[in-house]
Amino acid sequence: MNSSPPIAGGAHTVSVMLPATPMTRVIGRLIASQVAMSRIRPFNELTKVEQQAAGLAQDVIKADRKAQLQMLTAPIDGIVQQLVVHTI
């Protein structure tokens, strides 16, 4: 009588004794696959979130740069008394 591979469940490992049939082997593989995917999924989601965070950080840098370029400063100390804007 063969035993199926141990099934990982959180912090505990559960061993299940099933008769070795083709169906139990398929079920064992499916369970092992699901366990592996449940371990990989959080890392994939973390990667996505890190990429979004990096993109948002670049957006903040871009917005700060744009705000700096839009700030008008006088070439000398003092107060601007008259400001005229001409458009063509």
C-alpha atoms as a PDB file:
ATOM      1  CA  MET A   1       0.000   0.000   0.000  1.00  0.00           C
ATOM      2  CA  ASN A   2       1.538   3.309  -1.138  1.00  0.00           C
ATOM      3  CA  SER A   3       0.986   6.600   0.577  1.00  0.00           C
ATOM      4  CA  SER A   4       0.368   9.894  -1.192  1.00  0.00           C
ATOM      5  CA  PRO A   5       2.761  12.823  -0.730  1.00  0.00           C
ATOM      6  CA  PRO A   6       2.299  14.955   2.392  1.00  0.00           C
ATOM      7  CA  ILE A   7      -0.106  17.846   2.030  1.00  0.00           C
ATOM      8  CA  ALA A   8       1.111  21.172   3.394  1.00  0.00           C
ATOM      9  CA  GLY A   9      -1.517  23.141   5.248  1.00  0.00           C
ATOM     10  CA  GLY A  10      -0.244  26.409   6.704  1.00  0.00           C
ATOM     11  CA  ALA A  11       2.211  25.682   9.497  1.00  0.00           C
ATOM     12  CA  HIS A  12       1.220  22.010   9.695  1.00  0.00           C
ATOM     13  CA  THR A  13       1.806  19.107   7.351  1.00  0.00           C
ATOM     14  CA  VAL A  14      -0.904  16.489   7.024  1.00  0.00           C
ATOM     15  CA  SER A  15      -0.171  13.017   5.639  1.00  0.00           C
ATOM     16  CA  VAL A  16      -3.103  11.183   4.136  1.00  0.00           C
ATOM     17  CA  MET A  17      -3.021   7.436   3.496  1.00  0.00           C
ATOM     18  CA  LEU A  18      -4.965   6.604   0.331  1.00  0.00           C
ATOM     19  CA  PRO A  19      -4.893   3.485  -1.803  1.00  0.00           C
ATOM     20  CA  ALA A  20      -2.518   4.004  -4.740  1.00  0.00           C
ATOM     21  CA  THR A  21      -4.781   4.254  -7.758  1.00  0.00           C
ATOM     22  CA  PRO A  22      -4.408   6.439 -10.825  1.00  0.00           C
ATOM     23  CA  MET A  23      -7.205   8.688  -9.528  1.00  0.00           C
ATOM     24  CA  THR A  24      -5.553   9.203  -6.135  1.00  0.00           C
ATOM     25  CA  ARG A  25      -2.280  10.069  -7.868  1.00  0.00           C
ATOM     26  CA  VAL A  26      -4.078  12.654 -10.005  1.00  0.00           C
ATOM     27  CA  ILE A  27      -5.814  14.075  -6.942  1.00  0.00           C
ATOM     28  CA  GLY A  28      -2.483  14.170  -5.098  1.00  0.00           C
ATOM     29  CA  ARG A  29      -0.885  16.067  -7.979  1.00  0.00           C
ATOM     30  CA  LEU A  30      -3.804  18.512  -8.097  1.00  0.00           C
ATOM     31  CA  ILE A  31      -3.536  19.146  -4.373  1.00  0.00           C
ATOM     32  CA  ALA A  32       0.234  19.625  -4.619  1.00  0.00           C
ATOM     33  CA  SER A  33      -0.290  22.012  -7.535  1.00  0.00           C
ATOM     34  CA  GLN A  34      -2.844  24.048  -5.587  1.00  0.00           C
ATOM     35  CA  VAL A  35      -0.532  24.227  -2.579  1.00  0.00           C
ATOM     36  CA  ALA A  36       2.330  25.414  -4.792  1.00  0.00           C
ATOM     37  CA  MET A  37       0.119  28.041  -6.432  1.00  0.00           C
ATOM     38  CA  SER A  38      -1.102  29.268  -3.059  1.00  0.00           C
ATOM     39  CA  ARG A  39       2.529  29.845  -2.101  1.00  0.00           C
ATOM     40  CA  ILE A  40       3.449  31.582  -5.370  1.00  0.00           C
ATOM     41  CA  ARG A  41       0.354  33.819  -5.642  1.00  0.00           C
ATOM     42  CA  PRO A  42       1.308  36.215  -2.798  1.00  0.00           C
ATOM     43  CA  PHE A  43       4.728  36.786  -4.380  1.00  0.00           C
ATOM     44  CA  ASN A  44       3.136  37.567  -7.737  1.00  0.00           C
ATOM     45  CA  GLU A  45       0.753  40.014  -6.078  1.00  0.00           C
ATOM     46  CA  LEU A  46       3.665  41.568  -4.166  1.00  0.00           C
ATOM     47  CA  THR A  47       5.540  42.076  -7.435  1.00  0.00           C
ATOM     48  CA  LYS A  48       2.509  43.805  -8.973  1.00  0.00           C
ATOM     49  CA  VAL A  49       2.092  46.081  -5.959  1.00  0.00           C
ATOM     50  CA  GLU A  50       5.808  46.944  -5.953  1.00  0.00           C
ATOM     51  CA  GLN A  51       5.612  47.848  -9.652  1.00  0.00           C
ATOM     52  CA  GLN A  52       2.566  50.047  -8.996  1.00  0.00           C
ATOM     53  CA  ALA A  53       4.369  51.730  -6.097  1.00  0.00           C
ATOM     54  CA  ALA A  54       7.397  52.419  -8.310  1.00  0.00           C
ATOM     55  CA  GLY A  55       5.120  53.914 -10.968  1.00  0.00           C
ATOM     56  CA  LEU A  56       3.360  56.099  -8.420  1.00  0.00           C
ATOM     57  CA  ALA A  57       6.718  57.250  -7.027  1.00  0.00           C
ATOM     58  CA  GLN A  58       7.700  58.322 -10.552  1.00  0.00           C
ATOM     59  CA  ASP A  59       4.379  60.179 -10.868  1.00  0.00           C
ATOM     60  CA  VAL A  60       5.145  62.060  -7.635  1.00  0.00           C
ATOM     61  CA  ILE A  61       8.606  63.008  -8.909  1.00  0.00           C
ATOM     62  CA  LYS A  62       7.079  64.167 -12.194  1.00  0.00           C
ATOM     63  CA  ALA A  63       4.423  66.245 -10.404  1.00  0.00           C
ATOM     64  CA  ASP A  64       7.024  67.840  -8.104  1.00  0.00           C
ATOM     65  CA  ARG A  65       9.194  68.739 -11.101  1.00  0.00           C
ATOM     66  CA  LYS A  66       6.208  70.233 -12.916  1.00  0.00           C
ATOM     67  CA  ALA A  67       5.280  72.295  -9.843  1.00  0.00           C
ATOM     68  CA  GLN A  68       8.861  73.590  -9.607  1.00  0.00           C
ATOM     69  CA  LEU A  69       8.821  74.600 -13.268  1.00  0.00           C
ATOM     70  CA  GLN A  70       5.538  76.460 -12.806  1.00  0.00           C
ATOM     71  CA  MET A  71       6.827  78.497  -9.882  1.00  0.00           C
ATOM     72  CA  LEU A  72       7.683  82.061 -10.851  1.00  0.00           C
ATOM     73  CA  THR A  73      10.628  83.618  -9.034  1.00  0.00           C
ATOM     74  CA  ALA A  74      11.984  87.145  -9.301  1.00  0.00           C
ATOM     75  CA  PRO A  75      15.574  87.494 -10.539  1.00  0.00           C
ATOM     76  CA  ILE A  76      16.410  89.723  -7.556  1.00  0.00           C
ATOM     77  CA  ASP A  77      15.180  89.998  -3.995  1.00  0.00           C
ATOM     78  CA  GLY A  78      12.057  92.011  -3.505  1.00  0.00           C
ATOM     79  CA  ILE A  79       8.390  91.961  -4.374  1.00  0.00           C
ATOM     80  CA  VAL A  80       6.977  91.804  -7.882  1.00  0.00           C
ATOM     81  CA  GLN A  81       4.870  94.916  -8.271  1.00  0.00           C
ATOM     82  CA  GLN A  82       3.556  94.506 -11.781  1.00  0.00           C
ATOM     83  CA  LEU A  83       3.254  91.338 -13.759  1.00  0.00           C
ATOM     84  CA  VAL A  84       2.144  91.430 -17.356  1.00  0.00           C
ATOM     85  CA  VAL A  85       1.387  88.393 -19.462  1.00  0.00           C
ATOM     86  CA  HIS A  86       1.284  88.677 -23.228  1.00  0.00           C
ATOM     87  CA  THR A  87      -0.118  86.042 -25.530  1.00  0.00           C
ATOM     88  CA  ILE A  88       0.146  85.913 -29.267  1.00  0.00           C
END
